[in-house]
Amino acid sequence: MTTTLLERVRADNFLDWPPEPGCLGCRHYRPIHSHGQPDSDRSLVCHYLLDTGRIRGCGLGRDCTRWEI
């Protein structure tokens, strides 16, 4: 039986860090991956660059001037 790379990767190799409270709710702040792993949406990142093609140019949380609903 052949396994896929995803099936061979250890679950603790996936990124997992606490969310940035000041970014929760922003449409650019989304999970970095899902990979079908349970609770894999815990690792959120700002996708402003991917969404707009421009660098955010501000910090995260309270320093962010690009927060959008």
N, C-alpha and C. Protein backbone atom coordinates (compact mmCIF):
# COMPACT_ATOMS: atom_id res chain seq x y z
N MET A 1 0.84 -1.18 0.00
CA MET A 1 0.00 0.00 0.00
C MET A 1 0.89 1.25 0.00
N THR A 2 0.62 2.17 -0.88
CA THR A 2 1.40 3.39 -0.99
C THR A 2 0.76 4.50 -0.18
N THR A 3 1.58 5.24 0.56
CA THR A 3 1.06 6.37 1.33
C THR A 3 1.51 7.67 0.67
N THR A 4 0.73 8.69 0.86
CA THR A 4 1.08 10.00 0.32
C THR A 4 2.01 10.71 1.29
N LEU A 5 2.68 11.74 0.81
CA LEU A 5 3.55 12.52 1.67
C LEU A 5 2.77 13.09 2.84
N LEU A 6 1.57 13.57 2.59
CA LEU A 6 0.75 14.14 3.66
C LEU A 6 0.47 13.11 4.75
N GLU A 7 0.26 11.88 4.36
CA GLU A 7 0.00 10.83 5.34
C GLU A 7 1.24 10.48 6.16
N ARG A 8 2.42 10.73 5.60
CA ARG A 8 3.67 10.41 6.31
C ARG A 8 4.17 11.55 7.20
N VAL A 9 3.67 12.76 6.99
CA VAL A 9 4.14 13.90 7.76
C VAL A 9 3.56 13.84 9.17
N ARG A 10 4.40 14.11 10.14
CA ARG A 10 3.95 14.12 11.52
C ARG A 10 3.02 15.30 11.76
N ALA A 11 1.98 15.09 12.53
CA ALA A 11 1.00 16.14 12.80
C ALA A 11 1.63 17.35 13.48
N ASP A 12 2.66 17.14 14.31
CA ASP A 12 3.26 18.28 15.02
C ASP A 12 4.20 19.09 14.14
N ASN A 13 4.38 18.70 12.88
CA ASN A 13 5.17 19.50 11.96
C ASN A 13 4.39 20.68 11.40
N PHE A 14 3.08 20.67 11.54
CA PHE A 14 2.27 21.75 11.03
C PHE A 14 2.36 22.95 11.97
N LEU A 15 2.35 24.13 11.40
CA LEU A 15 2.46 25.35 12.19
C LEU A 15 1.30 25.46 13.16
N ASP A 16 1.60 25.89 14.37
CA ASP A 16 0.57 26.06 15.38
C ASP A 16 1.04 27.14 16.34
N TRP A 17 0.47 28.33 16.24
CA TRP A 17 0.80 29.39 17.18
C TRP A 17 -0.48 30.11 17.54
N PRO A 18 -0.47 30.83 18.65
CA PRO A 18 -1.70 31.51 19.07
C PRO A 18 -2.08 32.62 18.10
N PRO A 19 -3.38 32.88 17.94
CA PRO A 19 -3.83 33.93 17.02
C PRO A 19 -3.46 35.31 17.53
N GLU A 20 -3.38 36.26 16.62
CA GLU A 20 -3.16 37.66 16.96
C GLU A 20 -4.55 38.27 17.19
N PRO A 21 -4.92 38.57 18.44
CA PRO A 21 -6.28 39.06 18.73
C PRO A 21 -6.68 40.28 17.90
N GLY A 22 -5.76 41.19 17.63
CA GLY A 22 -6.09 42.38 16.88
C GLY A 22 -6.38 42.12 15.42
N CYS A 23 -6.10 40.91 14.93
CA CYS A 23 -6.33 40.59 13.53
C CYS A 23 -7.54 39.70 13.32
N LEU A 24 -8.06 39.11 14.40
CA LEU A 24 -9.22 38.22 14.27
C LEU A 24 -10.40 38.99 13.69
N GLY A 25 -11.00 38.44 12.67
CA GLY A 25 -12.13 39.09 12.03
C GLY A 25 -11.77 39.78 10.73
N CYS A 26 -10.49 40.07 10.53
CA CYS A 26 -10.05 40.70 9.29
C CYS A 26 -10.11 39.66 8.16
N ARG A 27 -10.63 40.06 7.00
CA ARG A 27 -10.77 39.09 5.92
C ARG A 27 -9.43 38.63 5.37
N HIS A 28 -8.36 39.37 5.62
CA HIS A 28 -7.03 38.96 5.16
C HIS A 28 -6.37 37.97 6.12
N TYR A 29 -6.89 37.84 7.33
CA TYR A 29 -6.30 37.00 8.36
C TYR A 29 -7.00 35.65 8.34
N ARG A 30 -6.35 34.67 7.68
CA ARG A 30 -6.97 33.37 7.45
C ARG A 30 -5.98 32.24 7.74
N PRO A 31 -6.48 30.99 7.77
CA PRO A 31 -5.57 29.86 7.98
C PRO A 31 -4.50 29.80 6.89
N ILE A 32 -3.31 29.38 7.28
CA ILE A 32 -2.21 29.28 6.33
C ILE A 32 -2.32 28.01 5.50
N HIS A 33 -2.97 27.00 6.03
CA HIS A 33 -3.14 25.74 5.32
C HIS A 33 -4.23 24.93 5.99
N SER A 34 -4.67 23.90 5.35
CA SER A 34 -5.61 22.99 6.02
C SER A 34 -5.06 21.56 5.97
N HIS A 35 -4.64 21.11 4.82
CA HIS A 35 -4.04 19.79 4.65
C HIS A 35 -4.88 18.66 5.22
N GLY A 36 -6.15 18.94 5.50
CA GLY A 36 -7.03 17.89 6.01
C GLY A 36 -6.75 17.47 7.44
N GLN A 37 -5.90 18.20 8.12
CA GLN A 37 -5.56 17.84 9.49
C GLN A 37 -6.57 18.46 10.46
N PRO A 38 -6.97 17.73 11.49
CA PRO A 38 -7.87 18.30 12.49
C PRO A 38 -7.24 19.52 13.15
N ASP A 39 -8.01 20.54 13.37
CA ASP A 39 -7.57 21.77 14.05
C ASP A 39 -6.44 22.48 13.31
N SER A 40 -6.26 22.22 12.03
CA SER A 40 -5.15 22.84 11.30
C SER A 40 -5.39 24.31 11.03
N ASP A 41 -6.60 24.81 11.29
CA ASP A 41 -6.86 26.22 11.06
C ASP A 41 -6.43 27.08 12.25
N ARG A 42 -5.71 26.49 13.19
CA ARG A 42 -5.22 27.25 14.34
C ARG A 42 -4.13 28.23 13.95
N SER A 43 -3.40 27.93 12.91
CA SER A 43 -2.30 28.78 12.49
C SER A 43 -2.77 29.75 11.43
N LEU A 44 -3.01 30.98 11.84
CA LEU A 44 -3.54 32.00 10.95
C LEU A 44 -2.43 32.96 10.56
N VAL A 45 -2.51 33.48 9.33
CA VAL A 45 -1.55 34.47 8.86
C VAL A 45 -2.31 35.55 8.08
N CYS A 46 -1.65 36.68 7.90
CA CYS A 46 -2.23 37.75 7.12
C CYS A 46 -1.97 37.49 5.64
N HIS A 47 -3.04 37.42 4.87
CA HIS A 47 -2.94 37.15 3.43
C HIS A 47 -3.08 38.44 2.62
N TYR A 48 -2.80 39.59 3.23
CA TYR A 48 -2.95 40.86 2.52
C TYR A 48 -2.14 40.87 1.23
N LEU A 49 -0.90 40.43 1.28
CA LEU A 49 -0.05 40.40 0.09
C LEU A 49 -0.65 39.51 -1.00
N LEU A 50 -1.13 38.33 -0.62
CA LEU A 50 -1.74 37.43 -1.61
C LEU A 50 -3.04 38.01 -2.17
N ASP A 51 -3.81 38.67 -1.32
CA ASP A 51 -5.10 39.20 -1.75
C ASP A 51 -4.98 40.43 -2.64
N THR A 52 -3.98 41.27 -2.37
CA THR A 52 -3.90 42.55 -3.07
C THR A 52 -2.71 42.69 -4.00
N GLY A 53 -1.68 41.88 -3.78
CA GLY A 53 -0.46 42.00 -4.57
C GLY A 53 0.45 43.11 -4.07
N ARG A 54 0.10 43.69 -2.93
CA ARG A 54 0.91 44.77 -2.33
C ARG A 54 1.34 44.39 -0.92
N ILE A 55 2.49 44.88 -0.51
CA ILE A 55 2.97 44.67 0.85
C ILE A 55 2.08 45.45 1.81
N ARG A 56 1.75 44.84 2.93
CA ARG A 56 0.86 45.47 3.91
C ARG A 56 1.39 46.80 4.39
N GLY A 57 2.68 46.89 4.71
CA GLY A 57 3.28 48.15 5.10
C GLY A 57 2.94 48.62 6.51
N CYS A 58 2.45 47.73 7.33
CA CYS A 58 2.14 48.07 8.72
C CYS A 58 2.29 46.81 9.57
N GLY A 59 2.29 46.99 10.85
CA GLY A 59 2.43 45.85 11.76
C GLY A 59 1.14 45.07 11.91
N LEU A 60 1.19 44.01 12.71
CA LEU A 60 0.01 43.21 13.00
C LEU A 60 -0.79 43.83 14.14
N GLY A 61 -2.00 43.38 14.29
CA GLY A 61 -2.83 43.79 15.43
C GLY A 61 -3.14 45.27 15.43
N ARG A 62 -2.87 45.92 16.55
CA ARG A 62 -3.20 47.33 16.71
C ARG A 62 -2.44 48.24 15.74
N ASP A 63 -1.31 47.79 15.26
CA ASP A 63 -0.51 48.59 14.33
C ASP A 63 -0.96 48.44 12.88
N CYS A 64 -1.93 47.58 12.62
CA CYS A 64 -2.36 47.33 11.25
C CYS A 64 -3.34 48.42 10.78
N THR A 65 -3.05 48.98 9.62
CA THR A 65 -3.94 49.97 9.03
C THR A 65 -4.69 49.39 7.84
N ARG A 66 -4.57 48.09 7.62
CA ARG A 66 -5.18 47.42 6.47
C ARG A 66 -6.29 46.45 6.89
N TRP A 67 -6.75 46.57 8.13
CA TRP A 67 -7.76 45.65 8.65
C TRP A 67 -9.06 45.83 7.86
N GLU A 68 -9.63 44.73 7.38
CA GLU A 68 -10.87 44.79 6.59
C GLU A 68 -11.84 43.70 7.02
N ILE A 69 -13.11 44.03 6.95
CA ILE A 69 -14.16 43.06 7.28
C ILE A 69 -14.51 42.30 6.01
